[in-house]
Amino acid sequence: MTSAVRRWGAAWCVTIFPRHGELGSEARTSGYAVEIHGELDAASREELGVQLRRMLEFGAPITLDLTHLKFCGVAAIEEILQVVDLARHSGVRMSVIAPDTLAPYFALSEDMRER
């Protein structure tokens, strides 16, 4: 059974689904699927960053799904990219699923990191 945790701001919410894997005979969380719904703008940047950084503390892989967003402003994109960079430096695997409208920003960021 998968349980979800919801946290939200005024115009957005984040739902966290633990993914379970097996380690020997003990079930353990093998990562997290994080869905963000609603609208992200400059006003939501700080709280968004706090929530995503908390997820990094678990050290488990994270899949961030942005496909449910109605709007995502530049400030929120910058915050997400900073958290992705922090995850990379912390050794936490973090992948982003972005809708076609946002995918170029994340692809450009990845290209710049590789240089």
PDB file of N, CA and C in Angstrom:
ATOM      1  N   MET A   1       0.842  -1.178   0.000  1.00  0.00           N
ATOM      2  CA  MET A   1       0.000   0.000   0.000  1.00  0.00           C
ATOM      3  C   MET A   1       0.888   1.241   0.000  1.00  0.00           C
ATOM      4  N   THR A   2       0.563   2.174  -0.838  1.00  0.00           N
ATOM      5  CA  THR A   2       1.322   3.413  -0.925  1.00  0.00           C
ATOM      6  C   THR A   2       0.567   4.513  -0.196  1.00  0.00           C
ATOM      7  N   SER A   3       1.259   5.196   0.676  1.00  0.00           N
ATOM      8  CA  SER A   3       0.634   6.339   1.339  1.00  0.00           C
ATOM      9  C   SER A   3       1.262   7.609   0.794  1.00  0.00           C
ATOM     10  N   ALA A   4       0.511   8.661   0.810  1.00  0.00           N
ATOM     11  CA  ALA A   4       0.991   9.929   0.273  1.00  0.00           C
ATOM     12  C   ALA A   4       0.984  10.985   1.365  1.00  0.00           C
ATOM     13  N   VAL A   5       1.925  11.881   1.267  1.00  0.00           N
ATOM     14  CA  VAL A   5       1.990  13.028   2.166  1.00  0.00           C
ATOM     15  C   VAL A   5       1.722  14.256   1.315  1.00  0.00           C
ATOM     16  N   ARG A   6       0.863  15.138   1.784  1.00  0.00           N
ATOM     17  CA  ARG A   6       0.575  16.364   1.033  1.00  0.00           C
ATOM     18  C   ARG A   6       1.007  17.575   1.834  1.00  0.00           C
ATOM     19  N   ARG A   7       1.640  18.492   1.152  1.00  0.00           N
ATOM     20  CA  ARG A   7       1.973  19.798   1.723  1.00  0.00           C
ATOM     21  C   ARG A   7       1.585  20.816   0.655  1.00  0.00           C
ATOM     22  N   TRP A   8       1.203  21.991   1.073  1.00  0.00           N
ATOM     23  CA  TRP A   8       0.751  22.946   0.072  1.00  0.00           C
ATOM     24  C   TRP A   8       0.982  24.382   0.492  1.00  0.00           C
ATOM     25  N   GLY A   9       1.024  25.214  -0.535  1.00  0.00           N
ATOM     26  CA  GLY A   9       1.043  26.653  -0.363  1.00  0.00           C
ATOM     27  C   GLY A   9      -0.306  27.168  -0.830  1.00  0.00           C
ATOM     28  N   ALA A  10      -0.395  28.441  -1.079  1.00  0.00           N
ATOM     29  CA  ALA A  10      -1.664  29.043  -1.471  1.00  0.00           C
ATOM     30  C   ALA A  10      -2.156  28.534  -2.822  1.00  0.00           C
ATOM     31  N   ALA A  11      -1.251  28.364  -3.774  1.00  0.00           N
ATOM     32  CA  ALA A  11      -1.672  28.010  -5.127  1.00  0.00           C
ATOM     33  C   ALA A  11      -1.058  26.705  -5.622  1.00  0.00           C
ATOM     34  N   TRP A  12      -0.469  25.934  -4.726  1.00  0.00           N
ATOM     35  CA  TRP A  12       0.177  24.700  -5.167  1.00  0.00           C
ATOM     36  C   TRP A  12       0.171  23.673  -4.040  1.00  0.00           C
ATOM     37  N   CYS A  13       0.386  22.423  -4.404  1.00  0.00           N
ATOM     38  CA  CYS A  13       0.554  21.378  -3.395  1.00  0.00           C
ATOM     39  C   CYS A  13       1.557  20.361  -3.911  1.00  0.00           C
ATOM     40  N   VAL A  14       2.192  19.700  -2.995  1.00  0.00           N
ATOM     41  CA  VAL A  14       3.148  18.656  -3.342  1.00  0.00           C
ATOM     42  C   VAL A  14       2.674  17.364  -2.684  1.00  0.00           C
ATOM     43  N   THR A  15       2.663  16.292  -3.459  1.00  0.00           N
ATOM     44  CA  THR A  15       2.296  14.981  -2.950  1.00  0.00           C
ATOM     45  C   THR A  15       3.511  14.079  -3.067  1.00  0.00           C
ATOM     46  N   ILE A  16       3.846  13.402  -1.979  1.00  0.00           N
ATOM     47  CA  ILE A  16       5.038  12.562  -1.933  1.00  0.00           C
ATOM     48  C   ILE A  16       4.598  11.113  -1.774  1.00  0.00           C
ATOM     49  N   PHE A  17       4.991  10.281  -2.733  1.00  0.00           N
ATOM     50  CA  PHE A  17       4.673   8.862  -2.700  1.00  0.00           C
ATOM     51  C   PHE A  17       5.955   8.076  -2.471  1.00  0.00           C
ATOM     52  N   PRO A  18       6.072   7.346  -1.367  1.00  0.00           N
ATOM     53  CA  PRO A  18       7.255   6.506  -1.200  1.00  0.00           C
ATOM     54  C   PRO A  18       7.174   5.308  -2.146  1.00  0.00           C
ATOM     55  N   ARG A  19       8.299   4.948  -2.723  1.00  0.00           N
ATOM     56  CA  ARG A  19       8.391   3.731  -3.536  1.00  0.00           C
ATOM     57  C   ARG A  19       9.096   2.702  -2.667  1.00  0.00           C
ATOM     58  N   HIS A  20       8.581   1.501  -2.644  1.00  0.00           N
ATOM     59  CA  HIS A  20       9.143   0.482  -1.764  1.00  0.00           C
ATOM     60  C   HIS A  20       9.893  -0.575  -2.560  1.00  0.00           C
ATOM     61  N   GLY A  21      11.031  -0.977  -2.015  1.00  0.00           N
ATOM     62  CA  GLY A  21      11.826  -2.044  -2.592  1.00  0.00           C
ATOM     63  C   GLY A  21      12.132  -3.048  -1.506  1.00  0.00           C
ATOM     64  N   GLU A  22      12.768  -4.110  -1.862  1.00  0.00           N
ATOM     65  CA  GLU A  22      13.113  -5.143  -0.892  1.00  0.00           C
ATOM     66  C   GLU A  22      14.609  -5.135  -0.646  1.00  0.00           C
ATOM     67  N   LEU A  23      14.981  -5.260   0.590  1.00  0.00           N
ATOM     68  CA  LEU A  23      16.378  -5.403   0.976  1.00  0.00           C
ATOM     69  C   LEU A  23      16.414  -6.591   1.923  1.00  0.00           C
ATOM     70  N   GLY A  24      16.851  -7.740   1.407  1.00  0.00           N
ATOM     71  CA  GLY A  24      16.785  -8.961   2.202  1.00  0.00           C
ATOM     72  C   GLY A  24      15.328  -9.272   2.482  1.00  0.00           C
ATOM     73  N   SER A  25      14.992  -9.525   3.727  1.00  0.00           N
ATOM     74  CA  SER A  25      13.597  -9.806   4.070  1.00  0.00           C
ATOM     75  C   SER A  25      12.876  -8.556   4.573  1.00  0.00           C
ATOM     76  N   GLU A  26      13.595  -7.437   4.607  1.00  0.00           N
ATOM     77  CA  GLU A  26      13.053  -6.200   5.167  1.00  0.00           C
ATOM     78  C   GLU A  26      12.609  -5.249   4.052  1.00  0.00           C
ATOM     79  N   ALA A  27      11.357  -4.808   4.077  1.00  0.00           N
ATOM     80  CA  ALA A  27      10.910  -3.820   3.092  1.00  0.00           C
ATOM     81  C   ALA A  27      11.494  -2.466   3.471  1.00  0.00           C
ATOM     82  N   ARG A  28      11.905  -1.717   2.482  1.00  0.00           N
ATOM     83  CA  ARG A  28      12.434  -0.388   2.756  1.00  0.00           C
ATOM     84  C   ARG A  28      12.041   0.555   1.641  1.00  0.00           C
ATOM     85  N   THR A  29      12.100   1.844   1.916  1.00  0.00           N
ATOM     86  CA  THR A  29      11.791   2.840   0.898  1.00  0.00           C
ATOM     87  C   THR A  29      12.971   2.932  -0.048  1.00  0.00           C
ATOM     88  N   SER A  30      12.692   2.753  -1.326  1.00  0.00           N
ATOM     89  CA  SER A  30      13.767   2.794  -2.318  1.00  0.00           C
ATOM     90  C   SER A  30      13.816   4.126  -3.050  1.00  0.00           C
ATOM     91  N   GLY A  31      12.945   5.030  -2.690  1.00  0.00           N
ATOM     92  CA  GLY A  31      12.934   6.341  -3.326  1.00  0.00           C
ATOM     93  C   GLY A  31      11.576   6.999  -3.152  1.00  0.00           C
ATOM     94  N   TYR A  32      11.457   8.165  -3.754  1.00  0.00           N
ATOM     95  CA  TYR A  32      10.224   8.934  -3.621  1.00  0.00           C
ATOM     96  C   TYR A  32       9.810   9.501  -4.966  1.00  0.00           C
ATOM     97  N   ALA A  33       8.512   9.453  -5.222  1.00  0.00           N
ATOM     98  CA  ALA A  33       7.921  10.139  -6.363  1.00  0.00           C
ATOM     99  C   ALA A  33       7.248  11.386  -5.796  1.00  0.00           C
ATOM    100  N   VAL A  34       7.632  12.543  -6.294  1.00  0.00           N
ATOM    101  CA  VAL A  34       7.116  13.814  -5.790  1.00  0.00           C
ATOM    102  C   VAL A  34       6.360  14.503  -6.922  1.00  0.00           C
ATOM    103  N   GLU A  35       5.060  14.686  -6.741  1.00  0.00           N
ATOM    104  CA  GLU A  35       4.232  15.376  -7.731  1.00  0.00           C
ATOM    105  C   GLU A  35       3.911  16.772  -7.216  1.00  0.00           C
ATOM    106  N   ILE A  36       4.060  17.750  -8.087  1.00  0.00           N
ATOM    107  CA  ILE A  36       3.682  19.117  -7.719  1.00  0.00           C
ATOM    108  C   ILE A  36       2.519  19.537  -8.610  1.00  0.00           C
ATOM    109  N   HIS A  37       1.474  20.033  -7.982  1.00  0.00           N
ATOM    110  CA  HIS A  37       0.256  20.457  -8.679  1.00  0.00           C
ATOM    111  C   HIS A  37       0.028  21.947  -8.441  1.00  0.00           C
ATOM    112  N   GLY A  38      -0.613  22.596  -9.401  1.00  0.00           N
ATOM    113  CA  GLY A  38      -1.014  23.989  -9.211  1.00  0.00           C
ATOM    114  C   GLY A  38      -0.117  24.964  -9.929  1.00  0.00           C
ATOM    115  N   GLU A  39       0.189  26.070  -9.254  1.00  0.00           N
ATOM    116  CA  GLU A  39       0.959  27.163  -9.848  1.00  0.00           C
ATOM    117  C   GLU A  39       2.136  27.520  -8.947  1.00  0.00           C
ATOM    118  N   LEU A  40       3.324  27.571  -9.542  1.00  0.00           N
ATOM    119  CA  LEU A  40       4.535  27.960  -8.814  1.00  0.00           C
ATOM    120  C   LEU A  40       5.031  29.294  -9.351  1.00  0.00           C
ATOM    121  N   ASP A  41       5.269  30.229  -8.456  1.00  0.00           N
ATOM    122  CA  ASP A  41       5.785  31.532  -8.863  1.00  0.00           C
ATOM    123  C   ASP A  41       6.814  31.994  -7.843  1.00  0.00           C
ATOM    124  N   ALA A  42       7.204  33.248  -7.916  1.00  0.00           N
ATOM    125  CA  ALA A  42       8.227  33.779  -7.005  1.00  0.00           C
ATOM    126  C   ALA A  42       7.788  33.680  -5.547  1.00  0.00           C
ATOM    127  N   ALA A  43       6.495  33.829  -5.290  1.00  0.00           N
ATOM    128  CA  ALA A  43       6.000  33.772  -3.912  1.00  0.00           C
ATOM    129  C   ALA A  43       6.111  32.371  -3.317  1.00  0.00           C
ATOM    130  N   SER A  44       6.102  31.353  -4.155  1.00  0.00           N
ATOM    131  CA  SER A  44       6.172  29.974  -3.655  1.00  0.00           C
ATOM    132  C   SER A  44       7.593  29.423  -3.651  1.00  0.00           C
ATOM    133  N   ARG A  45       8.539  30.189  -4.173  1.00  0.00           N
ATOM    134  CA  ARG A  45       9.909  29.708  -4.324  1.00  0.00           C
ATOM    135  C   ARG A  45      10.520  29.204  -3.015  1.00  0.00           C
ATOM    136  N   GLU A  46      10.444  29.993  -1.962  1.00  0.00           N
ATOM    137  CA  GLU A  46      11.109  29.631  -0.708  1.00  0.00           C
ATOM    138  C   GLU A  46      10.530  28.352  -0.107  1.00  0.00           C
ATOM    139  N   GLU A  47       9.212  28.276   0.006  1.00  0.00           N
ATOM    140  CA  GLU A  47       8.586  27.081   0.588  1.00  0.00           C
ATOM    141  C   GLU A  47       8.843  25.848  -0.274  1.00  0.00           C
ATOM    142  N   LEU A  48       8.803  26.015  -1.587  1.00  0.00           N
ATOM    143  CA  LEU A  48       9.119  24.909  -2.495  1.00  0.00           C
ATOM    144  C   LEU A  48      10.529  24.392  -2.223  1.00  0.00           C
ATOM    145  N   GLY A  49      11.479  25.303  -2.115  1.00  0.00           N
ATOM    146  CA  GLY A  49      12.864  24.915  -1.849  1.00  0.00           C
ATOM    147  C   GLY A  49      13.013  24.183  -0.531  1.00  0.00           C
ATOM    148  N   VAL A  50      12.323  24.659   0.500  1.00  0.00           N
ATOM    149  CA  VAL A  50      12.372  24.004   1.817  1.00  0.00           C
ATOM    150  C   VAL A  50      11.866  22.567   1.705  1.00  0.00           C
ATOM    151  N   GLN A  51      10.726  22.390   1.049  1.00  0.00           N
ATOM    152  CA  GLN A  51      10.144  21.051   0.925  1.00  0.00           C
ATOM    153  C   GLN A  51      11.065  20.110   0.150  1.00  0.00           C
ATOM    154  N   LEU A  52      11.620  20.576  -0.960  1.00  0.00           N
ATOM    155  CA  LEU A  52      12.482  19.713  -1.771  1.00  0.00           C
ATOM    156  C   LEU A  52      13.796  19.404  -1.064  1.00  0.00           C
ATOM    157  N   ARG A  53      14.367  20.371  -0.377  1.00  0.00           N
ATOM    158  CA  ARG A  53      15.618  20.126   0.360  1.00  0.00           C
ATOM    159  C   ARG A  53      15.409  19.115   1.494  1.00  0.00           C
ATOM    160  N   ARG A  54      14.257  19.143   2.112  1.00  0.00           N
ATOM    161  CA  ARG A  54      13.948  18.143   3.153  1.00  0.00           C
ATOM    162  C   ARG A  54      13.972  16.737   2.565  1.00  0.00           C
ATOM    163  N   MET A  55      13.501  16.605   1.347  1.00  0.00           N
ATOM    164  CA  MET A  55      13.498  15.290   0.706  1.00  0.00           C
ATOM    165  C   MET A  55      14.921  14.775   0.509  1.00  0.00           C
ATOM    166  N   LEU A  56      15.852  15.664   0.226  1.00  0.00           N
ATOM    167  CA  LEU A  56      17.242  15.252   0.004  1.00  0.00           C
ATOM    168  C   LEU A  56      17.854  14.639   1.255  1.00  0.00           C
ATOM    169  N   GLU A  57      17.384  15.049   2.422  1.00  0.00           N
ATOM    170  CA  GLU A  57      17.938  14.552   3.682  1.00  0.00           C
ATOM    171  C   GLU A  57      17.773  13.045   3.840  1.00  0.00           C
ATOM    172  N   PHE A  58      16.789  12.451   3.156  1.00  0.00           N
ATOM    173  CA  PHE A  58      16.586  11.006   3.251  1.00  0.00           C
ATOM    174  C   PHE A  58      17.640  10.231   2.464  1.00  0.00           C
ATOM    175  N   GLY A  59      18.267  10.880   1.490  1.00  0.00           N
ATOM    176  CA  GLY A  59      19.311  10.240   0.707  1.00  0.00           C
ATOM    177  C   GLY A  59      18.817   9.252  -0.330  1.00  0.00           C
ATOM    178  N   ALA A  60      17.513   9.097  -0.475  1.00  0.00           N
ATOM    179  CA  ALA A  60      16.944   8.155  -1.440  1.00  0.00           C
ATOM    180  C   ALA A  60      16.681   8.865  -2.768  1.00  0.00           C
ATOM    181  N   PRO A  61      16.690   8.120  -3.881  1.00  0.00           N
ATOM    182  CA  PRO A  61      16.404   8.730  -5.184  1.00  0.00           C
ATOM    183  C   PRO A  61      15.032   9.413  -5.202  1.00  0.00           C
ATOM    184  N   ILE A  62      14.963  10.503  -5.954  1.00  0.00           N
ATOM    185  CA  ILE A  62      13.735  11.294  -6.044  1.00  0.00           C
ATOM    186  C   ILE A  62      13.386  11.498  -7.511  1.00  0.00           C
ATOM    187  N   THR A  63      12.123  11.265  -7.842  1.00  0.00           N
ATOM    188  CA  THR A  63      11.597  11.615  -9.156  1.00  0.00           C
ATOM    189  C   THR A  63      10.617  12.757  -8.943  1.00  0.00           C
ATOM    190  N   LEU A  64      10.926  13.910  -9.521  1.00  0.00           N
ATOM    191  CA  LEU A  64      10.102  15.108  -9.373  1.00  0.00           C
ATOM    192  C   LEU A  64       9.245  15.268 -10.623  1.00  0.00           C
ATOM    193  N   ASP A  65       7.937  15.154 -10.460  1.00  0.00           N
ATOM    194  CA  ASP A  65       6.993  15.219 -11.574  1.00  0.00           C
ATOM    195  C   ASP A  65       6.332  16.595 -11.606  1.00  0.00           C
ATOM    196  N   LEU A  66       6.646  17.357 -12.643  1.00  0.00           N
ATOM    197  CA  LEU A  66       6.098  18.709 -12.807  1.00  0.00           C
ATOM    198  C   LEU A  66       4.971  18.757 -13.831  1.00  0.00           C
ATOM    199  N   THR A  67       4.544  17.605 -14.342  1.00  0.00           N
ATOM    200  CA  THR A  67       3.567  17.587 -15.433  1.00  0.00           C
ATOM    201  C   THR A  67       2.171  18.030 -15.013  1.00  0.00           C
ATOM    202  N   HIS A  68       1.928  18.151 -13.716  1.00  0.00           N
ATOM    203  CA  HIS A  68       0.605  18.569 -13.236  1.00  0.00           C
ATOM    204  C   HIS A  68       0.522  20.073 -12.970  1.00  0.00           C
ATOM    205  N   LEU A  69       1.602  20.801 -13.234  1.00  0.00           N
ATOM    206  CA  LEU A  69       1.600  22.244 -12.990  1.00  0.00           C
ATOM    207  C   LEU A  69       0.789  22.976 -14.057  1.00  0.00           C
ATOM    208  N   LYS A  70       0.049  23.974 -13.622  1.00  0.00           N
ATOM    209  CA  LYS A  70      -0.658  24.858 -14.549  1.00  0.00           C
ATOM    210  C   LYS A  70       0.235  26.024 -14.951  1.00  0.00           C
ATOM    211  N   PHE A  71       1.147  26.411 -14.052  1.00  0.00           N
ATOM    212  CA  PHE A  71       2.063  27.524 -14.301  1.00  0.00           C
ATOM    213  C   PHE A  71       3.321  27.298 -13.476  1.00  0.00           C
ATOM    214  N   CYS A  72       4.462  27.637 -14.064  1.00  0.00           N
ATOM    215  CA  CYS A  72       5.727  27.563 -13.335  1.00  0.00           C
ATOM    216  C   CYS A  72       6.585  28.742 -13.770  1.00  0.00           C
ATOM    217  N   GLY A  73       6.760  29.703 -12.869  1.00  0.00           N
ATOM    218  CA  GLY A  73       7.533  30.901 -13.164  1.00  0.00           C
ATOM    219  C   GLY A  73       9.030  30.659 -13.092  1.00  0.00           C
ATOM    220  N   VAL A  74       9.770  31.617 -13.585  1.00  0.00           N
ATOM    221  CA  VAL A  74      11.229  31.521 -13.648  1.00  0.00           C
ATOM    222  C   VAL A  74      11.840  31.332 -12.260  1.00  0.00           C
ATOM    223  N   ALA A  75      11.322  32.025 -11.255  1.00  0.00           N
ATOM    224  CA  ALA A  75      11.874  31.893  -9.898  1.00  0.00           C
ATOM    225  C   ALA A  75      11.746  30.459  -9.397  1.00  0.00           C
ATOM    226  N   ALA A  76      10.619  29.818  -9.667  1.00  0.00           N
ATOM    227  CA  ALA A  76      10.420  28.428  -9.245  1.00  0.00           C
ATOM    228  C   ALA A  76      11.333  27.489 -10.029  1.00  0.00           C
ATOM    229  N   ILE A  77      11.503  27.750 -11.326  1.00  0.00           N
ATOM    230  CA  ILE A  77      12.421  26.937 -12.131  1.00  0.00           C
ATOM    231  C   ILE A  77      13.835  27.049 -11.570  1.00  0.00           C
ATOM    232  N   GLU A  78      14.254  28.266 -11.249  1.00  0.00           N
ATOM    233  CA  GLU A  78      15.590  28.467 -10.670  1.00  0.00           C
ATOM    234  C   GLU A  78      15.744  27.697  -9.366  1.00  0.00           C
ATOM    235  N   GLU A  79      14.721  27.714  -8.531  1.00  0.00           N
ATOM    236  CA  GLU A  79      14.780  27.001  -7.246  1.00  0.00           C
ATOM    237  C   GLU A  79      14.897  25.497  -7.471  1.00  0.00           C
ATOM    238  N   ILE A  80      14.107  24.975  -8.383  1.00  0.00           N
ATOM    239  CA  ILE A  80      14.170  23.542  -8.682  1.00  0.00           C
ATOM    240  C   ILE A  80      15.555  23.175  -9.197  1.00  0.00           C
ATOM    241  N   LEU A  81      16.110  23.990 -10.090  1.00  0.00           N
ATOM    242  CA  LEU A  81      17.448  23.714 -10.623  1.00  0.00           C
ATOM    243  C   LEU A  81      18.508  23.757  -9.525  1.00  0.00           C
ATOM    244  N   GLN A  82      18.365  24.661  -8.572  1.00  0.00           N
ATOM    245  CA  GLN A  82      19.312  24.709  -7.451  1.00  0.00           C
ATOM    246  C   GLN A  82      19.227  23.439  -6.610  1.00  0.00           C
ATOM    247  N   VAL A  83      18.016  22.948  -6.388  1.00  0.00           N
ATOM    248  CA  VAL A  83      17.852  21.723  -5.603  1.00  0.00           C
ATOM    249  C   VAL A  83      18.396  20.522  -6.373  1.00  0.00           C
ATOM    250  N   VAL A  84      18.170  20.474  -7.679  1.00  0.00           N
ATOM    251  CA  VAL A  84      18.723  19.387  -8.500  1.00  0.00           C
ATOM    252  C   VAL A  84      20.245  19.403  -8.415  1.00  0.00           C
ATOM    253  N   ASP A  85      20.835  20.582  -8.477  1.00  0.00           N
ATOM    254  CA  ASP A  85      22.291  20.709  -8.370  1.00  0.00           C
ATOM    255  C   ASP A  85      22.774  20.272  -6.983  1.00  0.00           C
ATOM    256  N   LEU A  86      22.065  20.669  -5.945  1.00  0.00           N
ATOM    257  CA  LEU A  86      22.410  20.255  -4.584  1.00  0.00           C
ATOM    258  C   LEU A  86      22.312  18.736  -4.442  1.00  0.00           C
ATOM    259  N   ALA A  87      21.287  18.145  -5.026  1.00  0.00           N
ATOM    260  CA  ALA A  87      21.131  16.686  -4.985  1.00  0.00           C
ATOM    261  C   ALA A  87      22.331  16.009  -5.634  1.00  0.00           C
ATOM    262  N   ARG A  88      22.728  16.522  -6.786  1.00  0.00           N
ATOM    263  CA  ARG A  88      23.868  15.944  -7.505  1.00  0.00           C
ATOM    264  C   ARG A  88      25.124  16.016  -6.649  1.00  0.00           C
ATOM    265  N   HIS A  89      25.367  17.148  -6.025  1.00  0.00           N
ATOM    266  CA  HIS A  89      26.552  17.312  -5.176  1.00  0.00           C
ATOM    267  C   HIS A  89      26.461  16.489  -3.886  1.00  0.00           C
ATOM    268  N   SER A  90      25.246  16.159  -3.464  1.00  0.00           N
ATOM    269  CA  SER A  90      25.044  15.372  -2.244  1.00  0.00           C
ATOM    270  C   SER A  90      25.012  13.870  -2.517  1.00  0.00           C
ATOM    271  N   GLY A  91      25.093  13.511  -3.790  1.00  0.00           N
ATOM    272  CA  GLY A  91      25.057  12.095  -4.148  1.00  0.00           C
ATOM    273  C   GLY A  91      23.662  11.495  -4.163  1.00  0.00           C
ATOM    274  N   VAL A  92      22.638  12.342  -4.231  1.00  0.00           N
ATOM    275  CA  VAL A  92      21.256  11.868  -4.294  1.00  0.00           C
ATOM    276  C   VAL A  92      20.801  11.943  -5.746  1.00  0.00           C
ATOM    277  N   ARG A  93      20.313  10.822  -6.265  1.00  0.00           N
ATOM    278  CA  ARG A  93      19.835  10.808  -7.645  1.00  0.00           C
ATOM    279  C   ARG A  93      18.467  11.483  -7.695  1.00  0.00           C
ATOM    280  N   MET A  94      18.359  12.523  -8.509  1.00  0.00           N
ATOM    281  CA  MET A  94      17.099  13.256  -8.641  1.00  0.00           C
ATOM    282  C   MET A  94      16.817  13.460 -10.117  1.00  0.00           C
ATOM    283  N   SER A  95      15.669  12.980 -10.557  1.00  0.00           N
ATOM    284  CA  SER A  95      15.278  13.180 -11.949  1.00  0.00           C
ATOM    285  C   SER A  95      14.017  14.037 -11.986  1.00  0.00           C
ATOM    286  N   VAL A  96      13.889  14.791 -13.070  1.00  0.00           N
ATOM    287  CA  VAL A  96      12.762  15.708 -13.226  1.00  0.00           C
ATOM    288  C   VAL A  96      11.976  15.303 -14.464  1.00  0.00           C
ATOM    289  N   ILE A  97      10.684  15.132 -14.291  1.00  0.00           N
ATOM    290  CA  ILE A  97       9.780  14.908 -15.415  1.00  0.00           C
ATOM    291  C   ILE A  97       9.071  16.233 -15.644  1.00  0.00           C
ATOM    292  N   ALA A  98       9.366  16.855 -16.768  1.00  0.00           N
ATOM    293  CA  ALA A  98       8.824  18.187 -17.046  1.00  0.00           C
ATOM    294  C   ALA A  98       7.928  18.144 -18.281  1.00  0.00           C
ATOM    295  N   PRO A  99       6.870  18.950 -18.290  1.00  0.00           N
ATOM    296  CA  PRO A  99       6.043  19.048 -19.494  1.00  0.00           C
ATOM    297  C   PRO A  99       6.837  19.729 -20.610  1.00  0.00           C
ATOM    298  N   ASP A 100       6.351  19.615 -21.826  1.00  0.00           N
ATOM    299  CA  ASP A 100       7.050  20.184 -22.985  1.00  0.00           C
ATOM    300  C   ASP A 100       7.378  21.661 -22.809  1.00  0.00           C
ATOM    301  N   THR A 101       6.522  22.401 -22.120  1.00  0.00           N
ATOM    302  CA  THR A 101       6.753  23.839 -21.949  1.00  0.00           C
ATOM    303  C   THR A 101       7.938  24.141 -21.038  1.00  0.00           C
ATOM    304  N   LEU A 102       8.276  23.228 -20.130  1.00  0.00           N
ATOM    305  CA  LEU A 102       9.385  23.446 -19.194  1.00  0.00           C
ATOM    306  C   LEU A 102      10.639  22.654 -19.544  1.00  0.00           C
ATOM    307  N   ALA A 103      10.500  21.608 -20.316  1.00  0.00           N
ATOM    308  CA  ALA A 103      11.628  20.715 -20.616  1.00  0.00           C
ATOM    309  C   ALA A 103      12.863  21.445 -21.147  1.00  0.00           C
ATOM    310  N   PRO A 104      12.723  22.461 -22.017  1.00  0.00           N
ATOM    311  CA  PRO A 104      13.930  23.138 -22.519  1.00  0.00           C
ATOM    312  C   PRO A 104      14.781  23.770 -21.416  1.00  0.00           C
ATOM    313  N   TYR A 105      14.163  24.276 -20.360  1.00  0.00           N
ATOM    314  CA  TYR A 105      14.932  24.882 -19.267  1.00  0.00           C
ATOM    315  C   TYR A 105      15.793  23.845 -18.558  1.00  0.00           C
ATOM    316  N   PHE A 106      15.229  22.673 -18.349  1.00  0.00           N
ATOM    317  CA  PHE A 106      15.970  21.625 -17.658  1.00  0.00           C
ATOM    318  C   PHE A 106      17.027  21.008 -18.568  1.00  0.00           C
ATOM    319  N   ALA A 107      16.740  20.906 -19.859  1.00  0.00           N
ATOM    320  CA  ALA A 107      17.731  20.398 -20.809  1.00  0.00           C
ATOM    321  C   ALA A 107      18.898  21.369 -20.924  1.00  0.00           C
ATOM    322  N   LEU A 108      18.624  22.665 -20.976  1.00  0.00           N
ATOM    323  CA  LEU A 108      19.677  23.675 -21.059  1.00  0.00           C
ATOM    324  C   LEU A 108      20.556  23.622 -19.815  1.00  0.00           C
ATOM    325  N   SER A 109      19.944  23.478 -18.665  1.00  0.00           N
ATOM    326  CA  SER A 109      20.701  23.388 -17.420  1.00  0.00           C
ATOM    327  C   SER A 109      21.604  22.160 -17.424  1.00  0.00           C
ATOM    328  N   GLU A 110      21.104  21.041 -17.903  1.00  0.00           N
ATOM    329  CA  GLU A 110      21.895  19.810 -17.960  1.00  0.00           C
ATOM    330  C   GLU A 110      23.070  19.982 -18.920  1.00  0.00           C
ATOM    331  N   ASP A 111      22.826  20.623 -20.065  1.00  0.00           N
ATOM    332  CA  ASP A 111      23.904  20.874 -21.031  1.00  0.00           C
ATOM    333  C   ASP A 111      25.001  21.729 -20.408  1.00  0.00           C
ATOM    334  N   MET A 112      24.625  22.746 -19.656  1.00  0.00           N
ATOM    335  CA  MET A 112      25.614  23.640 -19.048  1.00  0.00           C
ATOM    336  C   MET A 112      26.412  22.925 -17.960  1.00  0.00           C
ATOM    337  N   ARG A 113      25.782  21.991 -17.243  1.00  0.00           N
ATOM    338  CA  ARG A 113      26.482  21.243 -16.199  1.00  0.00           C
ATOM    339  C   ARG A 113      27.542  20.323 -16.787  1.00  0.00           C
ATOM    340  N   GLU A 114      27.278  19.806 -17.985  1.00  0.00           N
ATOM    341  CA  GLU A 114      28.202  18.865 -18.610  1.00  0.00           C
ATOM    342  C   GLU A 114      29.455  19.549 -19.130  1.00  0.00           C
ATOM    343  N   ARG A 115      29.434  20.850 -19.290  1.00  0.00           N
ATOM    344  CA  ARG A 115      30.598  21.568 -19.840  1.00  0.00           C
ATOM    345  C   ARG A 115      31.635  21.840 -18.808  1.00  0.00           C
TER     346      ARG A 115
END
